[in-house]
Amino acid sequence: MTISVDISYYPLKEEFIPPIKNFIDRLHAYEGLTVKTNGMSTQVFGEYFEVMKAITHEIHKSFELPHSVFILKIINADLNHVVKE
């Protein structure tokens, strides 16, 4: 099953951009996943178990920083290939 996950990451610290960029860079390192980023969130597309394993591992790593907040939306469809009108 292919899924799409929309992730918003909020490190609650003054210098919040470096942890966000680091999180996104780590996601890009996974083969088999498509990662797209815009100004509001990061989207990850791929097979369910591959995506969930990757984001679970990387969120856990990001929790090494105190007070990190993640908001996830997950859908059991590949929205990467949805045609925009």
PDB file of N, CA and C in Angstrom:
ATOM      1  N   MET A   1       0.840  -1.170   0.000  1.00  0.00           N
ATOM      2  CA  MET A   1       0.000   0.000   0.000  1.00  0.00           C
ATOM      3  C   MET A   1       0.892   1.242   0.000  1.00  0.00           C
ATOM      4  N   THR A   2       0.567   2.165  -0.872  1.00  0.00           N
ATOM      5  CA  THR A   2       1.303   3.419  -0.960  1.00  0.00           C
ATOM      6  C   THR A   2       0.594   4.466  -0.106  1.00  0.00           C
ATOM      7  N   ILE A   3       1.398   5.259   0.614  1.00  0.00           N
ATOM      8  CA  ILE A   3       0.828   6.297   1.468  1.00  0.00           C
ATOM      9  C   ILE A   3       1.477   7.641   1.201  1.00  0.00           C
ATOM     10  N   SER A   4       0.817   8.668   1.693  1.00  0.00           N
ATOM     11  CA  SER A   4       1.338  10.032   1.666  1.00  0.00           C
ATOM     12  C   SER A   4       1.273  10.565   3.087  1.00  0.00           C
ATOM     13  N   VAL A   5       2.359  11.177   3.525  1.00  0.00           N
ATOM     14  CA  VAL A   5       2.415  11.735   4.880  1.00  0.00           C
ATOM     15  C   VAL A   5       2.824  13.198   4.783  1.00  0.00           C
ATOM     16  N   ASP A   6       2.050  14.042   5.431  1.00  0.00           N
ATOM     17  CA  ASP A   6       2.349  15.464   5.505  1.00  0.00           C
ATOM     18  C   ASP A   6       2.877  15.726   6.915  1.00  0.00           C
ATOM     19  N   ILE A   7       4.089  16.261   7.007  1.00  0.00           N
ATOM     20  CA  ILE A   7       4.758  16.441   8.298  1.00  0.00           C
ATOM     21  C   ILE A   7       5.062  17.916   8.524  1.00  0.00           C
ATOM     22  N   SER A   8       4.665  18.413   9.679  1.00  0.00           N
ATOM     23  CA  SER A   8       5.085  19.732  10.140  1.00  0.00           C
ATOM     24  C   SER A   8       5.911  19.517  11.401  1.00  0.00           C
ATOM     25  N   TYR A   9       7.084  20.135  11.433  1.00  0.00           N
ATOM     26  CA  TYR A   9       8.027  19.957  12.543  1.00  0.00           C
ATOM     27  C   TYR A   9       8.291  21.312  13.165  1.00  0.00           C
ATOM     28  N   TYR A  10       8.105  21.389  14.477  1.00  0.00           N
ATOM     29  CA  TYR A  10       8.312  22.624  15.218  1.00  0.00           C
ATOM     30  C   TYR A  10       9.285  22.395  16.370  1.00  0.00           C
ATOM     31  N   PRO A  11      10.590  22.611  16.134  1.00  0.00           N
ATOM     32  CA  PRO A  11      11.525  22.567  17.262  1.00  0.00           C
ATOM     33  C   PRO A  11      11.331  23.841  18.088  1.00  0.00           C
ATOM     34  N   LEU A  12      11.013  23.675  19.340  1.00  0.00           N
ATOM     35  CA  LEU A  12      10.714  24.832  20.184  1.00  0.00           C
ATOM     36  C   LEU A  12      12.000  25.391  20.783  1.00  0.00           C
ATOM     37  N   LYS A  13      12.743  26.029  19.912  1.00  0.00           N
ATOM     38  CA  LYS A  13      13.983  26.669  20.323  1.00  0.00           C
ATOM     39  C   LYS A  13      14.210  27.872  19.423  1.00  0.00           C
ATOM     40  N   GLU A  14      15.077  28.765  19.851  1.00  0.00           N
ATOM     41  CA  GLU A  14      15.307  29.991  19.101  1.00  0.00           C
ATOM     42  C   GLU A  14      15.860  29.715  17.698  1.00  0.00           C
ATOM     43  N   GLU A  15      16.822  28.841  17.603  1.00  0.00           N
ATOM     44  CA  GLU A  15      17.402  28.465  16.309  1.00  0.00           C
ATOM     45  C   GLU A  15      16.662  27.234  15.784  1.00  0.00           C
ATOM     46  N   PHE A  16      15.506  27.447  15.164  1.00  0.00           N
ATOM     47  CA  PHE A  16      14.659  26.327  14.755  1.00  0.00           C
ATOM     48  C   PHE A  16      14.925  25.837  13.344  1.00  0.00           C
ATOM     49  N   ILE A  17      15.515  26.647  12.481  1.00  0.00           N
ATOM     50  CA  ILE A  17      15.707  26.244  11.084  1.00  0.00           C
ATOM     51  C   ILE A  17      16.717  25.114  10.928  1.00  0.00           C
ATOM     52  N   PRO A  18      17.889  25.127  11.573  1.00  0.00           N
ATOM     53  CA  PRO A  18      18.840  24.016  11.382  1.00  0.00           C
ATOM     54  C   PRO A  18      18.266  22.632  11.711  1.00  0.00           C
ATOM     55  N   PRO A  19      17.522  22.444  12.818  1.00  0.00           N
ATOM     56  CA  PRO A  19      16.967  21.106  13.058  1.00  0.00           C
ATOM     57  C   PRO A  19      15.960  20.675  11.990  1.00  0.00           C
ATOM     58  N   ILE A  20      15.188  21.619  11.469  1.00  0.00           N
ATOM     59  CA  ILE A  20      14.223  21.287  10.420  1.00  0.00           C
ATOM     60  C   ILE A  20      14.944  20.853   9.154  1.00  0.00           C
ATOM     61  N   LYS A  21      15.946  21.626   8.749  1.00  0.00           N
ATOM     62  CA  LYS A  21      16.718  21.265   7.545  1.00  0.00           C
ATOM     63  C   LYS A  21      17.401  19.912   7.727  1.00  0.00           C
ATOM     64  N   ASN A  22      17.923  19.652   8.911  1.00  0.00           N
ATOM     65  CA  ASN A  22      18.583  18.386   9.183  1.00  0.00           C
ATOM     66  C   ASN A  22      17.602  17.225   9.070  1.00  0.00           C
ATOM     67  N   PHE A  23      16.405  17.395   9.610  1.00  0.00           N
ATOM     68  CA  PHE A  23      15.363  16.371   9.526  1.00  0.00           C
ATOM     69  C   PHE A  23      15.019  16.077   8.063  1.00  0.00           C
ATOM     70  N   ILE A  24      14.830  17.112   7.282  1.00  0.00           N
ATOM     71  CA  ILE A  24      14.491  16.941   5.861  1.00  0.00           C
ATOM     72  C   ILE A  24      15.634  16.262   5.115  1.00  0.00           C
ATOM     73  N   ASP A  25      16.857  16.680   5.359  1.00  0.00           N
ATOM     74  CA  ASP A  25      18.014  16.062   4.708  1.00  0.00           C
ATOM     75  C   ASP A  25      18.099  14.570   5.030  1.00  0.00           C
ATOM     76  N   ARG A  26      17.824  14.206   6.268  1.00  0.00           N
ATOM     77  CA  ARG A  26      17.870  12.787   6.653  1.00  0.00           C
ATOM     78  C   ARG A  26      16.784  11.991   5.933  1.00  0.00           C
ATOM     79  N   LEU A  27      15.610  12.576   5.755  1.00  0.00           N
ATOM     80  CA  LEU A  27      14.553  11.883   5.015  1.00  0.00           C
ATOM     81  C   LEU A  27      14.948  11.657   3.558  1.00  0.00           C
ATOM     82  N   HIS A  28      15.625  12.630   2.963  1.00  0.00           N
ATOM     83  CA  HIS A  28      16.062  12.509   1.564  1.00  0.00           C
ATOM     84  C   HIS A  28      17.057  11.360   1.368  1.00  0.00           C
ATOM     85  N   ALA A  29      17.692  10.922   2.416  1.00  0.00           N
ATOM     86  CA  ALA A  29      18.700   9.864   2.303  1.00  0.00           C
ATOM     87  C   ALA A  29      18.082   8.476   2.111  1.00  0.00           C
ATOM     88  N   TYR A  30      16.788   8.332   2.332  1.00  0.00           N
ATOM     89  CA  TYR A  30      16.135   7.028   2.207  1.00  0.00           C
ATOM     90  C   TYR A  30      15.777   6.754   0.753  1.00  0.00           C
ATOM     91  N   GLU A  31      16.280   5.642   0.227  1.00  0.00           N
ATOM     92  CA  GLU A  31      15.913   5.235  -1.123  1.00  0.00           C
ATOM     93  C   GLU A  31      14.486   4.702  -1.114  1.00  0.00           C
ATOM     94  N   GLY A  32      13.778   4.913  -2.192  1.00  0.00           N
ATOM     95  CA  GLY A  32      12.423   4.409  -2.298  1.00  0.00           C
ATOM     96  C   GLY A  32      11.360   5.365  -1.796  1.00  0.00           C
ATOM     97  N   LEU A  33      11.783   6.481  -1.187  1.00  0.00           N
ATOM     98  CA  LEU A  33      10.831   7.480  -0.730  1.00  0.00           C
ATOM     99  C   LEU A  33      10.943   8.717  -1.602  1.00  0.00           C
ATOM    100  N   THR A  34       9.825   9.365  -1.807  1.00  0.00           N
ATOM    101  CA  THR A  34       9.824  10.677  -2.451  1.00  0.00           C
ATOM    102  C   THR A  34       9.542  11.696  -1.360  1.00  0.00           C
ATOM    103  N   VAL A  35      10.402  12.717  -1.284  1.00  0.00           N
ATOM    104  CA  VAL A  35      10.266  13.750  -0.249  1.00  0.00           C
ATOM    105  C   VAL A  35      10.159  15.103  -0.946  1.00  0.00           C
ATOM    106  N   LYS A  36       9.095  15.820  -0.641  1.00  0.00           N
ATOM    107  CA  LYS A  36       8.890  17.159  -1.195  1.00  0.00           C
ATOM    108  C   LYS A  36       8.661  18.121  -0.047  1.00  0.00           C
ATOM    109  N   THR A  37       9.216  19.314  -0.187  1.00  0.00           N
ATOM    110  CA  THR A  37       9.113  20.305   0.871  1.00  0.00           C
ATOM    111  C   THR A  37       8.574  21.608   0.306  1.00  0.00           C
ATOM    112  N   ASN A  38       7.738  22.266   1.081  1.00  0.00           N
ATOM    113  CA  ASN A  38       7.308  23.617   0.738  1.00  0.00           C
ATOM    114  C   ASN A  38       7.474  24.482   1.990  1.00  0.00           C
ATOM    115  N   GLY A  39       6.984  25.686   1.956  1.00  0.00           N
ATOM    116  CA  GLY A  39       7.174  26.602   3.074  1.00  0.00           C
ATOM    117  C   GLY A  39       6.418  26.240   4.341  1.00  0.00           C
ATOM    118  N   MET A  40       5.484  25.270   4.252  1.00  0.00           N
ATOM    119  CA  MET A  40       4.661  24.949   5.414  1.00  0.00           C
ATOM    120  C   MET A  40       4.883  23.552   5.959  1.00  0.00           C
ATOM    121  N   SER A  41       5.318  22.608   5.105  1.00  0.00           N
ATOM    122  CA  SER A  41       5.452  21.231   5.561  1.00  0.00           C
ATOM    123  C   SER A  41       6.320  20.430   4.603  1.00  0.00           C
ATOM    124  N   THR A  42       6.528  19.186   4.977  1.00  0.00           N
ATOM    125  CA  THR A  42       7.261  18.228   4.146  1.00  0.00           C
ATOM    126  C   THR A  42       6.325  17.059   3.877  1.00  0.00           C
ATOM    127  N   GLN A  43       6.291  16.625   2.629  1.00  0.00           N
ATOM    128  CA  GLN A  43       5.477  15.468   2.267  1.00  0.00           C
ATOM    129  C   GLN A  43       6.397  14.303   1.935  1.00  0.00           C
ATOM    130  N   VAL A  44       6.017  13.121   2.412  1.00  0.00           N
ATOM    131  CA  VAL A  44       6.775  11.903   2.152  1.00  0.00           C
ATOM    132  C   VAL A  44       5.814  10.903   1.506  1.00  0.00           C
ATOM    133  N   PHE A  45       6.254  10.306   0.397  1.00  0.00           N
ATOM    134  CA  PHE A  45       5.434   9.364  -0.357  1.00  0.00           C
ATOM    135  C   PHE A  45       6.198   8.064  -0.528  1.00  0.00           C
ATOM    136  N   GLY A  46       5.492   6.947  -0.439  1.00  0.00           N
ATOM    137  CA  GLY A  46       6.130   5.653  -0.659  1.00  0.00           C
ATOM    138  C   GLY A  46       5.307   4.530  -0.076  1.00  0.00           C
ATOM    139  N   GLU A  47       5.928   3.358  -0.031  1.00  0.00           N
ATOM    140  CA  GLU A  47       5.261   2.186   0.532  1.00  0.00           C
ATOM    141  C   GLU A  47       5.122   2.347   2.047  1.00  0.00           C
ATOM    142  N   TYR A  48       3.966   1.918   2.563  1.00  0.00           N
ATOM    143  CA  TYR A  48       3.592   2.151   3.960  1.00  0.00           C
ATOM    144  C   TYR A  48       4.722   1.832   4.949  1.00  0.00           C
ATOM    145  N   PHE A  49       5.226   0.603   4.939  1.00  0.00           N
ATOM    146  CA  PHE A  49       6.205   0.207   5.950  1.00  0.00           C
ATOM    147  C   PHE A  49       7.530   0.945   5.787  1.00  0.00           C
ATOM    148  N   GLU A  50       7.912   1.250   4.558  1.00  0.00           N
ATOM    149  CA  GLU A  50       9.156   2.002   4.339  1.00  0.00           C
ATOM    150  C   GLU A  50       9.028   3.426   4.864  1.00  0.00           C
ATOM    151  N   VAL A  51       7.912   4.077   4.560  1.00  0.00           N
ATOM    152  CA  VAL A  51       7.694   5.452   5.011  1.00  0.00           C
ATOM    153  C   VAL A  51       7.610   5.504   6.534  1.00  0.00           C
ATOM    154  N   MET A  52       6.818   4.620   7.115  1.00  0.00           N
ATOM    155  CA  MET A  52       6.628   4.652   8.565  1.00  0.00           C
ATOM    156  C   MET A  52       7.929   4.339   9.307  1.00  0.00           C
ATOM    157  N   LYS A  53       8.711   3.405   8.787  1.00  0.00           N
ATOM    158  CA  LYS A  53       9.990   3.090   9.415  1.00  0.00           C
ATOM    159  C   LYS A  53      10.910   4.310   9.381  1.00  0.00           C
ATOM    160  N   ALA A  54      10.974   4.970   8.223  1.00  0.00           N
ATOM    161  CA  ALA A  54      11.857   6.134   8.074  1.00  0.00           C
ATOM    162  C   ALA A  54      11.428   7.281   8.971  1.00  0.00           C
ATOM    163  N   ILE A  55      10.145   7.638   8.933  1.00  0.00           N
ATOM    164  CA  ILE A  55       9.737   8.800   9.724  1.00  0.00           C
ATOM    165  C   ILE A  55       9.770   8.498  11.219  1.00  0.00           C
ATOM    166  N   THR A  56       9.480   7.264  11.603  1.00  0.00           N
ATOM    167  CA  THR A  56       9.578   6.903  13.019  1.00  0.00           C
ATOM    168  C   THR A  56      11.018   7.041  13.502  1.00  0.00           C
ATOM    169  N   HIS A  57      11.949   6.547  12.713  1.00  0.00           N
ATOM    170  CA  HIS A  57      13.370   6.628  13.084  1.00  0.00           C
ATOM    171  C   HIS A  57      13.831   8.081  13.162  1.00  0.00           C
ATOM    172  N   GLU A  58      13.457   8.880  12.181  1.00  0.00           N
ATOM    173  CA  GLU A  58      13.940  10.260  12.136  1.00  0.00           C
ATOM    174  C   GLU A  58      13.251  11.157  13.163  1.00  0.00           C
ATOM    175  N   ILE A  59      11.993  10.896  13.465  1.00  0.00           N
ATOM    176  CA  ILE A  59      11.342  11.655  14.539  1.00  0.00           C
ATOM    177  C   ILE A  59      12.002  11.318  15.875  1.00  0.00           C
ATOM    178  N   HIS A  60      12.272  10.040  16.096  1.00  0.00           N
ATOM    179  CA  HIS A  60      12.946   9.628  17.335  1.00  0.00           C
ATOM    180  C   HIS A  60      14.280  10.340  17.472  1.00  0.00           C
ATOM    181  N   LYS A  61      15.040  10.410  16.382  1.00  0.00           N
ATOM    182  CA  LYS A  61      16.332  11.095  16.409  1.00  0.00           C
ATOM    183  C   LYS A  61      16.140  12.589  16.707  1.00  0.00           C
ATOM    184  N   SER A  62      15.106  13.186  16.131  1.00  0.00           N
ATOM    185  CA  SER A  62      14.843  14.613  16.369  1.00  0.00           C
ATOM    186  C   SER A  62      14.420  14.887  17.809  1.00  0.00           C
ATOM    187  N   PHE A  63      13.859  13.899  18.474  1.00  0.00           N
ATOM    188  CA  PHE A  63      13.451  14.071  19.863  1.00  0.00           C
ATOM    189  C   PHE A  63      14.644  14.152  20.806  1.00  0.00           C
ATOM    190  N   GLU A  64      15.853  14.011  20.285  1.00  0.00           N
ATOM    191  CA  GLU A  64      17.041  14.256  21.103  1.00  0.00           C
ATOM    192  C   GLU A  64      17.093  15.724  21.524  1.00  0.00           C
ATOM    193  N   LEU A  65      16.469  16.593  20.711  1.00  0.00           N
ATOM    194  CA  LEU A  65      16.331  17.998  21.105  1.00  0.00           C
ATOM    195  C   LEU A  65      15.146  18.098  22.056  1.00  0.00           C
ATOM    196  N   PRO A  66      15.278  18.864  23.088  1.00  0.00           N
ATOM    197  CA  PRO A  66      14.118  19.003  23.983  1.00  0.00           C
ATOM    198  C   PRO A  66      12.992  19.778  23.293  1.00  0.00           C
ATOM    199  N   HIS A  67      11.789  19.386  23.585  1.00  0.00           N
ATOM    200  CA  HIS A  67      10.593  20.101  23.157  1.00  0.00           C
ATOM    201  C   HIS A  67      10.456  20.234  21.638  1.00  0.00           C
ATOM    202  N   SER A  68      10.429  19.107  20.971  1.00  0.00           N
ATOM    203  CA  SER A  68      10.173  19.083  19.536  1.00  0.00           C
ATOM    204  C   SER A  68       8.740  18.617  19.312  1.00  0.00           C
ATOM    205  N   VAL A  69       8.016  19.333  18.457  1.00  0.00           N
ATOM    206  CA  VAL A  69       6.633  19.010  18.161  1.00  0.00           C
ATOM    207  C   VAL A  69       6.524  18.588  16.698  1.00  0.00           C
ATOM    208  N   PHE A  70       5.827  17.459  16.449  1.00  0.00           N
ATOM    209  CA  PHE A  70       5.548  16.996  15.099  1.00  0.00           C
ATOM    210  C   PHE A  70       4.043  16.873  14.917  1.00  0.00           C
ATOM    211  N   ILE A  71       3.568  17.293  13.762  1.00  0.00           N
ATOM    212  CA  ILE A  71       2.169  17.099  13.390  1.00  0.00           C
ATOM    213  C   ILE A  71       2.177  16.328  12.078  1.00  0.00           C
ATOM    214  N   LEU A  72       1.466  15.179  12.055  1.00  0.00           N
ATOM    215  CA  LEU A  72       1.441  14.312  10.881  1.00  0.00           C
ATOM    216  C   LEU A  72       0.018  14.146  10.369  1.00  0.00           C
ATOM    217  N   LYS A  73      -0.118  14.132   9.060  1.00  0.00           N
ATOM    218  CA  LYS A  73      -1.353  13.719   8.399  1.00  0.00           C
ATOM    219  C   LYS A  73      -0.962  12.581   7.474  1.00  0.00           C
ATOM    220  N   ILE A  74      -1.667  11.463   7.574  1.00  0.00           N
ATOM    221  CA  ILE A  74      -1.337  10.262   6.800  1.00  0.00           C
ATOM    222  C   ILE A  74      -2.574   9.835   6.024  1.00  0.00           C
ATOM    223  N   ILE A  75      -2.381   9.559   4.728  1.00  0.00           N
ATOM    224  CA  ILE A  75      -3.478   9.063   3.909  1.00  0.00           C
ATOM    225  C   ILE A  75      -3.011   7.829   3.150  1.00  0.00           C
ATOM    226  N   ASN A  76      -3.885   6.870   3.008  1.00  0.00           N
ATOM    227  CA  ASN A  76      -3.533   5.630   2.314  1.00  0.00           C
ATOM    228  C   ASN A  76      -3.764   5.766   0.812  1.00  0.00           C
ATOM    229  N   ALA A  77      -3.099   6.756   0.242  1.00  0.00           N
ATOM    230  CA  ALA A  77      -3.148   7.003  -1.199  1.00  0.00           C
ATOM    231  C   ALA A  77      -1.873   7.737  -1.587  1.00  0.00           C
ATOM    232  N   ASP A  78      -1.502   7.613  -2.846  1.00  0.00           N
ATOM    233  CA  ASP A  78      -0.321   8.314  -3.356  1.00  0.00           C
ATOM    234  C   ASP A  78      -0.755   9.660  -3.917  1.00  0.00           C
ATOM    235  N   LEU A  79      -0.655  10.699  -3.117  1.00  0.00           N
ATOM    236  CA  LEU A  79      -1.042  12.032  -3.560  1.00  0.00           C
ATOM    237  C   LEU A  79       0.076  12.738  -4.301  1.00  0.00           C
ATOM    238  N   ASN A  80       1.202  12.081  -4.460  1.00  0.00           N
ATOM    239  CA  ASN A  80       2.319  12.654  -5.201  1.00  0.00           C
ATOM    240  C   ASN A  80       1.979  12.821  -6.681  1.00  0.00           C
ATOM    241  N   HIS A  81       1.092  12.006  -7.186  1.00  0.00           N
ATOM    242  CA  HIS A  81       0.789  12.010  -8.617  1.00  0.00           C
ATOM    243  C   HIS A  81      -0.600  12.552  -8.915  1.00  0.00           C
ATOM    244  N   VAL A  82      -1.186  13.295  -7.978  1.00  0.00           N
ATOM    245  CA  VAL A  82      -2.501  13.877  -8.199  1.00  0.00           C
ATOM    246  C   VAL A  82      -2.339  15.076  -9.140  1.00  0.00           C
ATOM    247  N   VAL A  83      -3.156  15.124 -10.159  1.00  0.00           N
ATOM    248  CA  VAL A  83      -3.092  16.209 -11.135  1.00  0.00           C
ATOM    249  C   VAL A  83      -3.773  17.436 -10.546  1.00  0.00           C
ATOM    250  N   LYS A  84      -3.071  18.563 -10.571  1.00  0.00           N
ATOM    251  CA  LYS A  84      -3.636  19.813 -10.069  1.00  0.00           C
ATOM    252  C   LYS A  84      -4.290  20.544 -11.233  1.00  0.00           C
ATOM    253  N   GLU A  85      -5.456  21.095 -10.981  1.00  0.00           N
ATOM    254  CA  GLU A  85      -6.184  21.824 -12.030  1.00  0.00           C
ATOM    255  C   GLU A  85      -5.940  23.291 -11.921  1.00  0.00           C
TER     256      GLU A  85
END
